C-alpha atoms as a PDB file:
ATOM      1  CA  MET A   1       4.339  38.413 168.863  1.00  0.00           C
ATOM      2  CA  SER A   2       3.075  40.051 172.050  1.00  0.00           C
ATOM      3  CA  SER A   3       2.428  43.768 172.289  1.00  0.00           C
ATOM      4  CA  ALA A   4       5.451  44.052 174.607  1.00  0.00           C
ATOM      5  CA  ASP A   5       7.711  43.045 171.707  1.00  0.00           C
ATOM      6  CA  GLU A   6       6.841  46.321 169.985  1.00  0.00           C
ATOM      7  CA  VAL A   7       7.687  48.553 172.950  1.00  0.00           C
ATOM      8  CA  VAL A   8      10.634  50.887 172.384  1.00  0.00           C
ATOM      9  CA  VAL A   9      12.507  52.240 175.403  1.00  0.00           C
ATOM     10  CA  HIS A  10      13.760  55.825 175.366  1.00  0.00           C
ATOM     11  CA  GLU A  11      16.276  56.575 178.105  1.00  0.00           C
ATOM     12  CA  ALA A  12      17.701  60.064 178.592  1.00  0.00           C
ATOM     13  CA  LEU A  13      20.991  60.336 180.431  1.00  0.00           C
ATOM     14  CA  PRO A  14      21.318  62.836 183.280  1.00  0.00           C
ATOM     15  CA  SER A  15      23.747  65.554 182.269  1.00  0.00           C
ATOM     16  CA  ARG A  16      24.415  69.219 182.840  1.00  0.00           C
ATOM     17  CA  VAL A  17      25.346  71.240 179.756  1.00  0.00           C
ATOM     18  CA  LEU A  18      26.838  74.728 179.661  1.00  0.00           C
ATOM     19  CA  VAL A  19      26.563  76.392 176.254  1.00  0.00           C
ATOM     20  CA  GLY A  20      27.875  79.643 174.862  1.00  0.00           C
ATOM     21  CA  PRO A  21      30.940  81.845 174.381  1.00  0.00           C
ATOM     22  CA  GLY A  22      32.842  81.963 177.659  1.00  0.00           C
ATOM     23  CA  ALA A  23      31.374  78.731 179.040  1.00  0.00           C
ATOM     24  CA  SER A  24      34.857  77.237 179.420  1.00  0.00           C
ATOM     25  CA  ASP A  25      35.686  79.961 181.944  1.00  0.00           C
ATOM     26  CA  LEU A  26      33.289  78.186 184.326  1.00  0.00           C
ATOM     27  CA  VAL A  27      35.036  74.804 184.412  1.00  0.00           C
ATOM     28  CA  ALA A  28      36.652  75.442 187.791  1.00  0.00           C
ATOM     29  CA  ASP A  29      33.247  76.425 189.168  1.00  0.00           C
ATOM     30  CA  GLU A  30      31.796  73.149 187.867  1.00  0.00           C
ATOM     31  CA  VAL A  31      34.549  71.169 189.559  1.00  0.00           C
ATOM     32  CA  ALA A  32      33.740  72.951 192.826  1.00  0.00           C
ATOM     33  CA  ARG A  33      30.014  72.374 192.317  1.00  0.00           C
ATOM     34  CA  ILE A  34      30.430  68.588 192.162  1.00  0.00           C
ATOM     35  CA  GLY A  35      32.588  68.657 195.279  1.00  0.00           C
ATOM     36  CA  ALA A  36      35.858  67.554 193.691  1.00  0.00           C
ATOM     37  CA  GLY A  37      39.107  68.516 195.349  1.00  0.00           C
ATOM     38  CA  ARG A  38      41.838  67.285 192.985  1.00  0.00           C
ATOM     39  CA  VAL A  39      41.626  67.163 189.186  1.00  0.00           C
ATOM     40  CA  LEU A  40      43.333  65.100 186.525  1.00  0.00           C
ATOM     41  CA  LEU A  41      43.325  67.332 183.434  1.00  0.00           C
ATOM     42  CA  VAL A  42      43.403  65.330 180.181  1.00  0.00           C
ATOM     43  CA  ALA A  43      44.183  67.576 177.236  1.00  0.00           C
ATOM     44  CA  ALA A  44      44.795  66.999 173.556  1.00  0.00           C
ATOM     45  CA  PRO A  45      47.961  68.724 172.259  1.00  0.00           C
ATOM     46  CA  SER A  46      45.768  70.724 169.883  1.00  0.00           C
ATOM     47  CA  ALA A  47      43.858  72.070 172.889  1.00  0.00           C
ATOM     48  CA  ALA A  48      46.912  73.227 174.821  1.00  0.00           C
ATOM     49  CA  GLY A  49      45.792  76.851 174.910  1.00  0.00           C
ATOM     50  CA  PRO A  50      42.342  76.258 176.435  1.00  0.00           C
ATOM     51  CA  ALA A  51      43.844  73.608 178.720  1.00  0.00           C
ATOM     52  CA  ASP A  52      46.422  76.108 179.993  1.00  0.00           C
ATOM     53  CA  ARG A  53      43.651  78.566 180.868  1.00  0.00           C
ATOM     54  CA  ILE A  54      41.598  75.893 182.616  1.00  0.00           C
ATOM     55  CA  ALA A  55      44.672  74.661 184.502  1.00  0.00           C
ATOM     56  CA  GLY A  56      45.314  78.208 185.683  1.00  0.00           C
ATOM     57  CA  ALA A  57      41.727  78.589 186.861  1.00  0.00           C
ATOM     58  CA  LEU A  58      41.882  75.274 188.721  1.00  0.00           C
ATOM     59  CA  GLY A  59      44.937  76.422 190.640  1.00  0.00           C
ATOM     60  CA  ALA A  60      45.644  74.197 193.635  1.00  0.00           C
ATOM     61  CA  ARG A  61      42.850  71.813 192.562  1.00  0.00           C
ATOM     62  CA  LEU A  62      45.016  70.616 189.635  1.00  0.00           C
ATOM     63  CA  ALA A  63      46.528  67.291 190.712  1.00  0.00           C
ATOM     64  CA  ALA A  64      48.087  66.311 187.379  1.00  0.00           C
ATOM     65  CA  ARG A  65      47.912  66.947 183.665  1.00  0.00           C
ATOM     66  CA  PHE A  66      48.091  64.266 180.979  1.00  0.00           C
ATOM     67  CA  ASP A  67      48.730  65.594 177.458  1.00  0.00           C
ATOM     68  CA  ARG A  68      49.138  62.363 175.473  1.00  0.00           C
ATOM     69  CA  PRO A  69      45.693  60.952 174.640  1.00  0.00           C
ATOM     70  CA  ALA A  70      45.657  58.783 171.516  1.00  0.00           C
ATOM     71  CA  PRO A  71      43.022  57.913 168.914  1.00  0.00           C
ATOM     72  CA  HIS A  72      40.874  54.852 169.636  1.00  0.00           C
ATOM     73  CA  THR A  73      41.850  54.943 173.341  1.00  0.00           C
ATOM     74  CA  PRO A  74      44.621  52.325 173.533  1.00  0.00           C
ATOM     75  CA  VAL A  75      44.540  50.555 176.885  1.00  0.00           C
ATOM     76  CA  ALA A  76      48.296  51.118 177.280  1.00  0.00           C
ATOM     77  CA  VAL A  77      47.754  54.886 177.168  1.00  0.00           C
ATOM     78  CA  THR A  78      44.971  54.578 179.728  1.00  0.00           C
ATOM     79  CA  ALA A  79      47.367  52.748 182.044  1.00  0.00           C
ATOM     80  CA  ARG A  80      49.812  55.669 181.870  1.00  0.00           C
ATOM     81  CA  ALA A  81      47.035  58.174 182.521  1.00  0.00           C
ATOM     82  CA  LEU A  82      45.943  56.199 185.572  1.00  0.00           C
ATOM     83  CA  GLU A  83      49.466  56.456 186.974  1.00  0.00           C
ATOM     84  CA  ALA A  84      49.261  60.236 186.599  1.00  0.00           C
ATOM     85  CA  ALA A  85      45.811  60.285 188.201  1.00  0.00           C
ATOM     86  CA  ALA A  86      46.993  59.174 191.633  1.00  0.00           C
ATOM     87  CA  GLY A  87      45.313  61.378 194.231  1.00  0.00           C
ATOM     88  CA  ALA A  88      42.737  62.845 191.828  1.00  0.00           C
ATOM     89  CA  ASP A  89      38.992  62.610 192.427  1.00  0.00           C
ATOM     90  CA  CYS A  90      37.747  64.184 189.175  1.00  0.00           C
ATOM     91  CA  VAL A  91      38.821  64.138 185.533  1.00  0.00           C
ATOM     92  CA  VAL A  92      38.439  67.089 183.172  1.00  0.00           C
ATOM     93  CA  ALA A  93      38.916  66.442 179.449  1.00  0.00           C
ATOM     94  CA  VAL A  94      39.714  69.212 176.976  1.00  0.00           C
ATOM     95  CA  GLY A  95      39.886  68.304 173.287  1.00  0.00           C
ATOM     96  CA  GLY A  96      38.231  65.986 170.815  1.00  0.00           C
ATOM     97  CA  GLY A  97      37.248  62.340 170.919  1.00  0.00           C
ATOM     98  CA  SER A  98      40.683  61.084 171.964  1.00  0.00           C
ATOM     99  CA  ALA A  99      40.858  63.246 175.100  1.00  0.00           C
ATOM    100  CA  ILE A 100      37.237  62.637 176.050  1.00  0.00           C
ATOM    101  CA  GLY A 101      37.554  58.901 175.374  1.00  0.00           C
ATOM    102  CA  LEU A 102      40.611  58.697 177.621  1.00  0.00           C
ATOM    103  CA  ALA A 103      38.767  60.534 180.391  1.00  0.00           C
ATOM    104  CA  LYS A 104      35.932  58.011 180.070  1.00  0.00           C
ATOM    105  CA  ALA A 105      38.405  55.145 180.307  1.00  0.00           C
ATOM    106  CA  VAL A 106      39.953  56.633 183.446  1.00  0.00           C
ATOM    107  CA  SER A 107      36.517  57.233 184.951  1.00  0.00           C
ATOM    108  CA  ALA A 108      35.433  53.673 184.126  1.00  0.00           C
ATOM    109  CA  ARG A 109      38.346  52.317 186.151  1.00  0.00           C
ATOM    110  CA  THR A 110      38.185  54.763 189.075  1.00  0.00           C
ATOM    111  CA  GLY A 111      34.602  56.003 189.320  1.00  0.00           C
ATOM    112  CA  MET A 112      35.762  59.614 189.114  1.00  0.00           C
ATOM    113  CA  PRO A 113      33.189  62.138 187.818  1.00  0.00           C
ATOM    114  CA  GLN A 114      33.919  63.765 184.459  1.00  0.00           C
ATOM    115  CA  VAL A 115      33.727  67.268 183.056  1.00  0.00           C
ATOM    116  CA  ALA A 116      34.083  67.296 179.255  1.00  0.00           C
ATOM    117  CA  VAL A 117      35.134  70.392 177.321  1.00  0.00           C
ATOM    118  CA  PRO A 118      34.965  69.438 173.627  1.00  0.00           C
ATOM    119  CA  THR A 119      36.950  71.413 171.065  1.00  0.00           C
ATOM    120  CA  THR A 120      35.674  69.451 168.051  1.00  0.00           C
ATOM    121  CA  TYR A 121      32.268  68.177 166.916  1.00  0.00           C
ATOM    122  CA  ALA A 122      32.950  64.482 167.576  1.00  0.00           C
ATOM    123  CA  GLY A 123      30.084  64.030 170.057  1.00  0.00           C
ATOM    124  CA  SER A 124      31.736  61.575 172.445  1.00  0.00           C
ATOM    125  CA  GLU A 125      30.957  63.921 175.320  1.00  0.00           C
ATOM    126  CA  MET A 126      27.233  63.128 174.959  1.00  0.00           C
ATOM    127  CA  THR A 127      27.483  59.348 174.905  1.00  0.00           C
ATOM    128  CA  PRO A 128      27.690  56.505 177.437  1.00  0.00           C
ATOM    129  CA  VAL A 129      29.935  54.651 174.972  1.00  0.00           C
ATOM    130  CA  LEU A 130      33.625  53.874 175.337  1.00  0.00           C
ATOM    131  CA  GLY A 131      35.693  52.384 172.534  1.00  0.00           C
ATOM    132  CA  GLU A 132      39.099  50.967 173.481  1.00  0.00           C
ATOM    133  CA  THR A 133      41.841  49.377 171.410  1.00  0.00           C
ATOM    134  CA  GLU A 134      44.160  46.539 172.328  1.00  0.00           C
ATOM    135  CA  ASP A 135      46.301  44.455 169.965  1.00  0.00           C
ATOM    136  CA  GLY A 136      44.718  46.067 166.900  1.00  0.00           C
ATOM    137  CA  VAL A 137      41.132  45.272 167.914  1.00  0.00           C
ATOM    138  CA  LYS A 138      38.691  47.973 168.976  1.00  0.00           C
ATOM    139  CA  THR A 139      35.880  46.990 171.298  1.00  0.00           C
ATOM    140  CA  THR A 140      33.071  49.163 172.585  1.00  0.00           C
ATOM    141  CA  ARG A 141      30.987  49.089 175.700  1.00  0.00           C
ATOM    142  CA  ARG A 142      27.995  51.091 176.846  1.00  0.00           C
ATOM    143  CA  ALA A 143      26.978  52.013 180.382  1.00  0.00           C
ATOM    144  CA  PRO A 144      25.203  55.096 181.760  1.00  0.00           C
ATOM    145  CA  GLY A 145      28.111  55.921 184.060  1.00  0.00           C
ATOM    146  CA  LEU A 146      30.487  56.385 181.122  1.00  0.00           C
ATOM    147  CA  ALA A 147      28.801  59.627 180.040  1.00  0.00           C
ATOM    148  CA  PRO A 148      30.353  62.827 181.415  1.00  0.00           C
ATOM    149  CA  GLY A 149      28.168  64.422 184.066  1.00  0.00           C
ATOM    150  CA  THR A 150      28.968  67.940 182.875  1.00  0.00           C
ATOM    151  CA  VAL A 151      29.609  69.082 179.295  1.00  0.00           C
ATOM    152  CA  VAL A 152      30.886  72.550 178.457  1.00  0.00           C
ATOM    153  CA  TYR A 153      30.281  73.838 174.927  1.00  0.00           C
ATOM    154  CA  ASP A 154      32.235  77.010 174.208  1.00  0.00           C
ATOM    155  CA  PRO A 155      32.315  77.877 170.481  1.00  0.00           C
ATOM    156  CA  ARG A 156      35.407  80.015 171.061  1.00  0.00           C
ATOM    157  CA  LEU A 157      37.376  76.795 171.521  1.00  0.00           C
ATOM    158  CA  THR A 158      36.512  75.669 167.989  1.00  0.00           C
ATOM    159  CA  LEU A 159      37.796  78.818 166.266  1.00  0.00           C
ATOM    160  CA  GLY A 160      41.307  77.409 165.911  1.00  0.00           C
ATOM    161  CA  MET A 161      40.216  74.179 164.202  1.00  0.00           C
ATOM    162  CA  PRO A 162      41.882  73.836 160.783  1.00  0.00           C
ATOM    163  CA  SER A 163      39.554  73.738 157.801  1.00  0.00           C
ATOM    164  CA  GLY A 164      40.203  70.037 157.185  1.00  0.00           C
ATOM    165  CA  LEU A 165      39.431  69.032 160.761  1.00  0.00           C
ATOM    166  CA  THR A 166      36.366  71.281 160.804  1.00  0.00           C
ATOM    167  CA  ARG A 167      34.999  69.418 157.791  1.00  0.00           C
ATOM    168  CA  THR A 168      35.822  65.910 158.970  1.00  0.00           C
ATOM    169  CA  SER A 169      34.737  66.474 162.555  1.00  0.00           C
ATOM    170  CA  ALA A 170      31.391  67.892 161.404  1.00  0.00           C
ATOM    171  CA  MET A 171      30.971  64.917 159.063  1.00  0.00           C
ATOM    172  CA  ASN A 172      31.611  62.685 162.078  1.00  0.00           C
ATOM    173  CA  ALA A 173      28.739  64.434 163.868  1.00  0.00           C
ATOM    174  CA  LEU A 174      26.552  64.165 160.775  1.00  0.00           C
ATOM    175  CA  ALA A 175      27.164  60.404 160.753  1.00  0.00           C
ATOM    176  CA  HIS A 176      25.757  60.148 164.269  1.00  0.00           C
ATOM    177  CA  ALA A 177      22.549  61.839 163.148  1.00  0.00           C
ATOM    178  CA  VAL A 178      22.203  59.875 159.912  1.00  0.00           C
ATOM    179  CA  GLU A 179      22.756  56.516 161.550  1.00  0.00           C
ATOM    180  CA  ALA A 180      20.237  57.333 164.289  1.00  0.00           C
ATOM    181  CA  LEU A 181      17.558  57.730 161.611  1.00  0.00           C
ATOM    182  CA  TRP A 182      17.788  54.061 160.590  1.00  0.00           C
ATOM    183  CA  ALA A 183      18.494  52.637 164.057  1.00  0.00           C
ATOM    184  CA  PRO A 184      16.145  49.843 165.157  1.00  0.00           C
ATOM    185  CA  ASP A 185      15.471  51.624 168.451  1.00  0.00           C
ATOM    186  CA  ALA A 186      14.810  55.070 166.964  1.00  0.00           C
ATOM    187  CA  THR A 187      12.014  56.998 168.668  1.00  0.00           C
ATOM    188  CA  THR A 188      10.011  60.118 167.924  1.00  0.00           C
ATOM    189  CA  VAL A 189      12.519  62.048 170.042  1.00  0.00           C
ATOM    190  CA  THR A 190      15.641  60.694 168.356  1.00  0.00           C
ATOM    191  CA  ASP A 191      14.096  61.170 164.910  1.00  0.00           C
ATOM    192  CA  ALA A 192      13.433  64.814 165.757  1.00  0.00           C
ATOM    193  CA  LEU A 193      16.921  65.343 167.183  1.00  0.00           C
ATOM    194  CA  ALA A 194      18.617  63.596 164.262  1.00  0.00           C
ATOM    195  CA  THR A 195      16.660  65.511 161.646  1.00  0.00           C
ATOM    196  CA  GLU A 196      17.359  68.846 163.342  1.00  0.00           C
ATOM    197  CA  ALA A 197      21.040  67.961 163.758  1.00  0.00           C
ATOM    198  CA  ALA A 198      21.462  66.917 160.128  1.00  0.00           C
ATOM    199  CA  ALA A 199      19.719  70.054 158.890  1.00  0.00           C
ATOM    200  CA  GLY A 200      21.833  72.265 161.143  1.00  0.00           C
ATOM    201  CA  ILE A 201      25.147  70.654 160.212  1.00  0.00           C
ATOM    202  CA  LEU A 202      24.447  70.739 156.477  1.00  0.00           C
ATOM    203  CA  ALA A 203      23.445  74.408 156.730  1.00  0.00           C
ATOM    204  CA  ALA A 204      26.218  75.613 159.036  1.00  0.00           C
ATOM    205  CA  LEU A 205      29.203  73.631 157.759  1.00  0.00           C
ATOM    206  CA  PRO A 206      29.545  75.408 154.382  1.00  0.00           C
ATOM    207  CA  GLU A 207      29.246  78.754 156.153  1.00  0.00           C
ATOM    208  CA  VAL A 208      31.981  77.856 158.632  1.00  0.00           C
ATOM    209  CA  LEU A 209      34.258  76.537 155.885  1.00  0.00           C
ATOM    210  CA  ASP A 210      33.837  79.876 154.075  1.00  0.00           C
ATOM    211  CA  ASP A 211      34.539  81.864 157.255  1.00  0.00           C
ATOM    212  CA  PRO A 212      36.318  79.674 159.832  1.00  0.00           C
ATOM    213  CA  THR A 213      36.785  82.605 162.243  1.00  0.00           C
ATOM    214  CA  GLY A 214      33.099  83.552 162.397  1.00  0.00           C
ATOM    215  CA  LEU A 215      31.914  82.895 165.937  1.00  0.00           C
ATOM    216  CA  GLU A 216      28.203  82.829 165.077  1.00  0.00           C
ATOM    217  CA  GLY A 217      28.647  80.150 162.422  1.00  0.00           C
ATOM    218  CA  ARG A 218      30.844  78.120 164.748  1.00  0.00           C
ATOM    219  CA  ALA A 219      28.219  78.390 167.479  1.00  0.00           C
ATOM    220  CA  ARG A 220      25.487  77.162 165.124  1.00  0.00           C
ATOM    221  CA  LEU A 221      27.609  74.229 163.977  1.00  0.00           C
ATOM    222  CA  GLN A 222      28.457  73.284 167.563  1.00  0.00           C
ATOM    223  CA  SER A 223      24.796  73.545 168.565  1.00  0.00           C
ATOM    224  CA  ALA A 224      23.854  71.208 165.688  1.00  0.00           C
ATOM    225  CA  ALA A 225      26.551  68.696 166.627  1.00  0.00           C
ATOM    226  CA  TRP A 226      25.252  68.587 170.206  1.00  0.00           C
ATOM    227  CA  PRO A 227      21.947  66.805 169.395  1.00  0.00           C
ATOM    228  CA  ALA A 228      23.825  64.559 166.960  1.00  0.00           C
ATOM    229  CA  GLY A 229      25.875  63.352 169.922  1.00  0.00           C
ATOM    230  CA  ILE A 230      22.689  62.788 171.912  1.00  0.00           C
ATOM    231  CA  CYS A 231      21.429  60.608 169.056  1.00  0.00           C
ATOM    232  CA  LEU A 232      24.539  58.475 169.294  1.00  0.00           C
ATOM    233  CA  ALA A 233      23.861  58.067 173.012  1.00  0.00           C
ATOM    234  CA  GLN A 234      20.231  57.046 172.598  1.00  0.00           C
ATOM    235  CA  THR A 235      20.258  54.730 169.578  1.00  0.00           C
ATOM    236  CA  ARG A 236      22.209  51.648 168.586  1.00  0.00           C
ATOM    237  CA  MET A 237      25.030  52.014 166.095  1.00  0.00           C
ATOM    238  CA  GLY A 238      24.886  50.304 162.693  1.00  0.00           C
ATOM    239  CA  LEU A 239      27.176  49.462 159.795  1.00  0.00           C
ATOM    240  CA  HIS A 240      28.715  52.919 159.515  1.00  0.00           C
ATOM    241  CA  HIS A 241      30.053  52.951 163.066  1.00  0.00           C
ATOM    242  CA  GLN A 242      30.981  49.284 162.947  1.00  0.00           C
ATOM    243  CA  LEU A 243      33.167  49.889 159.895  1.00  0.00           C
ATOM    244  CA  ALA A 244      34.749  52.882 161.628  1.00  0.00           C
ATOM    245  CA  HIS A 245      35.527  50.733 164.664  1.00  0.00           C
ATOM    246  CA  VAL A 246      36.823  47.724 162.712  1.00  0.00           C
ATOM    247  CA  LEU A 247      38.981  49.708 160.281  1.00  0.00           C
ATOM    248  CA  GLY A 248      40.113  52.273 162.827  1.00  0.00           C
ATOM    249  CA  GLY A 249      41.113  49.639 165.362  1.00  0.00           C
ATOM    250  CA  ALA A 250      42.889  47.414 162.846  1.00  0.00           C
ATOM    251  CA  PHE A 251      44.910  50.133 161.104  1.00  0.00           C
ATOM    252  CA  GLY A 252      44.992  53.043 163.568  1.00  0.00           C
ATOM    253  CA  LEU A 253      43.167  55.336 161.136  1.00  0.00           C
ATOM    254  CA  PRO A 254      42.177  58.930 161.908  1.00  0.00           C
ATOM    255  CA  HIS A 255      38.635  58.723 163.228  1.00  0.00           C
ATOM    256  CA  ALA A 256      37.076  61.843 161.700  1.00  0.00           C
ATOM    257  CA  GLU A 257      38.600  61.310 158.249  1.00  0.00           C
ATOM    258  CA  LEU A 258      37.394  57.730 158.290  1.00  0.00           C
ATOM    259  CA  HIS A 259      33.840  58.843 159.101  1.00  0.00           C
ATOM    260  CA  THR A 260      34.045  61.332 156.246  1.00  0.00           C
ATOM    261  CA  MET A 261      35.079  58.625 153.782  1.00  0.00           C
ATOM    262  CA  LEU A 262      32.483  56.146 154.973  1.00  0.00           C
ATOM    263  CA  LEU A 263      29.290  58.138 155.266  1.00  0.00           C
ATOM    264  CA  ALA A 264      28.145  58.599 151.662  1.00  0.00           C
ATOM    265  CA  HIS A 265      29.059  54.982 150.816  1.00  0.00           C
ATOM    266  CA  VAL A 266      27.087  53.600 153.754  1.00  0.00           C
ATOM    267  CA  MET A 267      24.158  55.919 152.995  1.00  0.00           C
ATOM    268  CA  ALA A 268      24.049  54.585 149.418  1.00  0.00           C
ATOM    269  CA  PHE A 269      24.201  51.039 150.815  1.00  0.00           C
ATOM    270  CA  ASN A 270      21.467  51.519 153.439  1.00  0.00           C
ATOM    271  CA  LEU A 271      18.966  54.159 152.322  1.00  0.00           C
ATOM    272  CA  PRO A 272      17.114  51.947 149.792  1.00  0.00           C
ATOM    273  CA  SER A 273      16.328  49.694 152.764  1.00  0.00           C
ATOM    274  CA  ALA A 274      15.494  52.602 155.110  1.00  0.00           C
ATOM    275  CA  PRO A 275      12.655  54.594 153.508  1.00  0.00           C
ATOM    276  CA  ALA A 276      11.780  56.614 156.619  1.00  0.00           C
ATOM    277  CA  ALA A 277      15.394  57.748 157.056  1.00  0.00           C
ATOM    278  CA  SER A 278      15.603  58.486 153.343  1.00  0.00           C
ATOM    279  CA  ALA A 279      12.487  60.664 153.510  1.00  0.00           C
ATOM    280  CA  ARG A 280      13.811  62.721 156.423  1.00  0.00           C
ATOM    281  CA  LEU A 281      17.220  63.223 154.809  1.00  0.00           C
ATOM    282  CA  THR A 282      15.594  64.204 151.527  1.00  0.00           C
ATOM    283  CA  ARG A 283      13.594  66.797 153.424  1.00  0.00           C
ATOM    284  CA  VAL A 284      16.718  68.472 154.843  1.00  0.00           C
ATOM    285  CA  ALA A 285      19.300  67.797 152.086  1.00  0.00           C
ATOM    286  CA  GLY A 286      17.284  67.768 148.866  1.00  0.00           C
ATOM    287  CA  PRO A 287      16.377  64.987 146.425  1.00  0.00           C
ATOM    288  CA  ASP A 288      19.792  63.266 146.542  1.00  0.00           C
ATOM    289  CA  PRO A 289      21.211  63.325 150.069  1.00  0.00           C
ATOM    290  CA  VAL A 290      23.954  60.848 149.143  1.00  0.00           C
ATOM    291  CA  ALA A 291      25.281  63.239 146.499  1.00  0.00           C
ATOM    292  CA  VAL A 292      25.238  66.163 148.960  1.00  0.00           C
ATOM    293  CA  VAL A 293      27.237  64.221 151.549  1.00  0.00           C
ATOM    294  CA  ALA A 294      29.587  62.778 148.913  1.00  0.00           C
ATOM    295  CA  ALA A 295      30.358  66.283 147.624  1.00  0.00           C
ATOM    296  CA  LEU A 296      31.250  67.467 151.124  1.00  0.00           C
ATOM    297  CA  ALA A 297      33.511  64.436 151.585  1.00  0.00           C
ATOM    298  CA  ARG A 298      35.253  64.762 148.205  1.00  0.00           C
ATOM    299  CA  ALA A 299      36.116  68.415 148.895  1.00  0.00           C
ATOM    300  CA  HIS A 300      38.341  67.376 151.805  1.00  0.00           C
ATOM    301  CA  ARG A 301      41.940  68.292 151.022  1.00  0.00           C
ATOM    302  CA  GLY A 302      43.289  65.321 152.916  1.00  0.00           C
ATOM    303  CA  PRO A 303      42.904  61.590 152.193  1.00  0.00           C
ATOM    304  CA  THR A 304      39.560  60.690 150.625  1.00  0.00           C
ATOM    305  CA  ARG A 305      40.196  56.981 149.930  1.00  0.00           C
ATOM    306  CA  LEU A 306      41.247  54.050 152.084  1.00  0.00           C
ATOM    307  CA  SER A 307      44.249  53.523 149.830  1.00  0.00           C
ATOM    308  CA  ALA A 308      45.467  57.026 150.682  1.00  0.00           C
ATOM    309  CA  LEU A 309      45.411  56.063 154.365  1.00  0.00           C
ATOM    310  CA  GLY A 310      47.653  53.090 153.684  1.00  0.00           C
ATOM    311  CA  VAL A 311      45.036  50.376 154.146  1.00  0.00           C
ATOM    312  CA  PRO A 312      46.231  47.275 152.268  1.00  0.00           C
ATOM    313  CA  ARG A 313      43.700  46.164 149.685  1.00  0.00           C
ATOM    314  CA  GLU A 314      44.355  42.512 150.434  1.00  0.00           C
ATOM    315  CA  ARG A 315      43.053  43.027 154.007  1.00  0.00           C
ATOM    316  CA  LEU A 316      39.641  44.351 152.937  1.00  0.00           C
ATOM    317  CA  ARG A 317      38.042  40.919 152.705  1.00  0.00           C
ATOM    318  CA  GLU A 318      39.225  40.113 156.223  1.00  0.00           C
ATOM    319  CA  MET A 319      37.622  43.331 157.492  1.00  0.00           C
ATOM    320  CA  ALA A 320      34.369  42.525 155.682  1.00  0.00           C
ATOM    321  CA  GLU A 321      34.241  39.062 157.175  1.00  0.00           C
ATOM    322  CA  ARG A 322      34.885  40.491 160.625  1.00  0.00           C
ATOM    323  CA  VAL A 323      31.876  42.794 160.191  1.00  0.00           C
ATOM    324  CA  ALA A 324      29.631  40.068 158.784  1.00  0.00           C
ATOM    325  CA  ALA A 325      30.532  37.651 161.567  1.00  0.00           C
ATOM    326  CA  ASP A 326      29.076  39.898 164.272  1.00  0.00           C
ATOM    327  CA  PRO A 327      27.084  42.681 162.596  1.00  0.00           C
ATOM    328  CA  TYR A 328      25.701  45.738 164.344  1.00  0.00           C
ATOM    329  CA  PRO A 329      21.943  46.197 163.762  1.00  0.00           C
ATOM    330  CA  ASN A 330      21.487  47.632 160.272  1.00  0.00           C
ATOM    331  CA  PRO A 331      18.570  48.115 157.856  1.00  0.00           C
ATOM    332  CA  ARG A 332      20.349  46.068 155.182  1.00  0.00           C
ATOM    333  CA  ARG A 333      22.068  42.827 156.104  1.00  0.00           C
ATOM    334  CA  PRO A 334      25.827  43.406 155.794  1.00  0.00           C
ATOM    335  CA  ASP A 335      26.981  40.074 154.359  1.00  0.00           C
ATOM    336  CA  ALA A 336      30.688  39.686 153.679  1.00  0.00           C
ATOM    337  CA  ASP A 337      30.438  39.985 149.885  1.00  0.00           C
ATOM    338  CA  ALA A 338      28.435  43.215 150.032  1.00  0.00           C
ATOM    339  CA  VAL A 339      30.696  44.790 152.646  1.00  0.00           C
ATOM    340  CA  ALA A 340      33.813  43.772 150.718  1.00  0.00           C
ATOM    341  CA  GLU A 341      32.388  45.454 147.637  1.00  0.00           C
ATOM    342  CA  LEU A 342      31.637  48.606 149.626  1.00  0.00           C
ATOM    343  CA  LEU A 343      35.160  48.679 151.079  1.00  0.00           C
ATOM    344  CA  ASP A 344      36.700  48.117 147.656  1.00  0.00           C
ATOM    345  CA  ALA A 345      34.775  51.128 146.339  1.00  0.00           C
ATOM    346  CA  MET A 346      36.165  53.182 149.237  1.00  0.00           C
ATOM    347  CA  TRP A 347      39.675  51.902 148.573  1.00  0.00           C
END
C-alpha cells in the first residue's frame, strides 16, 4: 500500500448560512443578492404560514408556488414542479426534507440556484445529496451543485412543529452525526462536528420536548442539527441510511419516523465494530449510548415498529438481500442474514 492510499480528502461546500430569529425575513434580500428575478417557491403544506410571509416579501419576484412536495422526491412530482417553474430563475424551498429535496431535483434539472429555509431538523439543506424515487426504488446521487447556495435557519419556524415530529426529526439529525462517526472517510473535522452535534441534540431535545414553545431551546436544537447536516454532506453514508433509503423507497415510509426506528438498532449492530465512534458517543451520552437513543425512540407516540407502518414481514428478506447486494460502506459487513435479523427485530 502506498502512502497515497491513506490520504483522506476533506471537501467543504461553499454555502452562505443565515442563523437566528428573524432570519427568514431576509429571504427576499437573499434572492436579490444572487441576482434572481423570478422565483419558484416550493413549500410544504405544514410550512404554509412562513411560505405565505416569504411569498408576500418576494412580491413581483414570485413566479409560481408549488405546495405539493412528497416524501422521497418522486420523479413524477418533480415533473409537475418543473411545469410550474416555467420562467423562474431561482427556487426557494420552505419546509422539511420533502420540500428541500424537491427544490434540489428542480435545480438539478434546470441549474437554478437554491435558497433553503428549513422548518425541521432533517439536514437536507446542508448536503449535496439528492434521493429520488421511481417505481418503488429510491436512488441517491451526490454532486456539489445539488447543495443549496444559501440556507436560512430561523428557529421561529420550528415553534409550530408537533411534539412527535420534533422528536423524529431531531432523531433524523442525530443519525447523521452518529453515522458520520463510523464513516470510512471521517476526518478530524467531521469527528468534531459529529460529536458536538450529537451532544447538542441529546441535550436540547429533552428540553424542547418539555417546552416546545421555548425559543431558546429550539434555537439550540436547530444549531445542533446544523453541523449534523454538514456531517452528512462530508462523509459517506452507511447501513443506517441505506436501510432508510431501501425501506422508504419500497414502502413509501415516513422518513423521520423510519430514522427514529432504525438508529438504536443500527448502533447496536455497528458500535462493537466501531470502537472510535463508540468512545465518542459514550463521552456525550454516557456508558450505554444505545440505551439512551432507544429510550428516546420508544417514547415516540407514533409508530415505533416496522409492523406498525404496514411493512409486510415476508418482504424483509428481500430488503435485506437488496442491501447486501450493494452495501454502503459500513464498519460491520451487512450480509443478508444479519440484516434480515436486524429488520425482523425492528418489525
